[in-house]
Amino acid sequence: MVIGAVDSNLQAVVELTLVGLQNQLINVNAIIDTGFNGFLTLPLAQVRNLECEHIAKAEATLADGSTDAFELFLAEVIWDGRKRVVEADCSEGEVLIGMAMMRGHDLSIRITDQGEAKIEAFVIE
């Protein structure tokens, strides 16, 4: 289970642990973005610091309908207690967790200042 909180801007934020090439662990605050269907967005400084492997150039359609080109990397994270390698879009701004990262999980957010944000794996019966 991943637990975070809603900040004063009403953004659901959780702590995410990134794993570098030399197995160094870096904790960052990551915003849950339900409008992002990828795994993870990282700023260039984080990508360089972690020495992530470049895998492709890509384009995405943004919420306003415009398109944006970006670089795609592989990043290792600790997610729900396990190491996991995921695709990370490189984009300036905040660290974002997208819907692909949360696949197989329930998301609940109490939308109020300091409300709880909870991401919990579910079992399919």
Foldseek 3Di string as FASTA:
>chain_A
DWKFWQAPVQWTWTWWWWQAPVRDTDIDIATEDAVDAFFKEDEPVVCVVRVWAWDAKDWDQDPVRDIDIWTKTWTWIQDPNRIDIGIYTHDPDGMYGYPVNLPQWDWDFDRDHGTMIDTGGDDDD
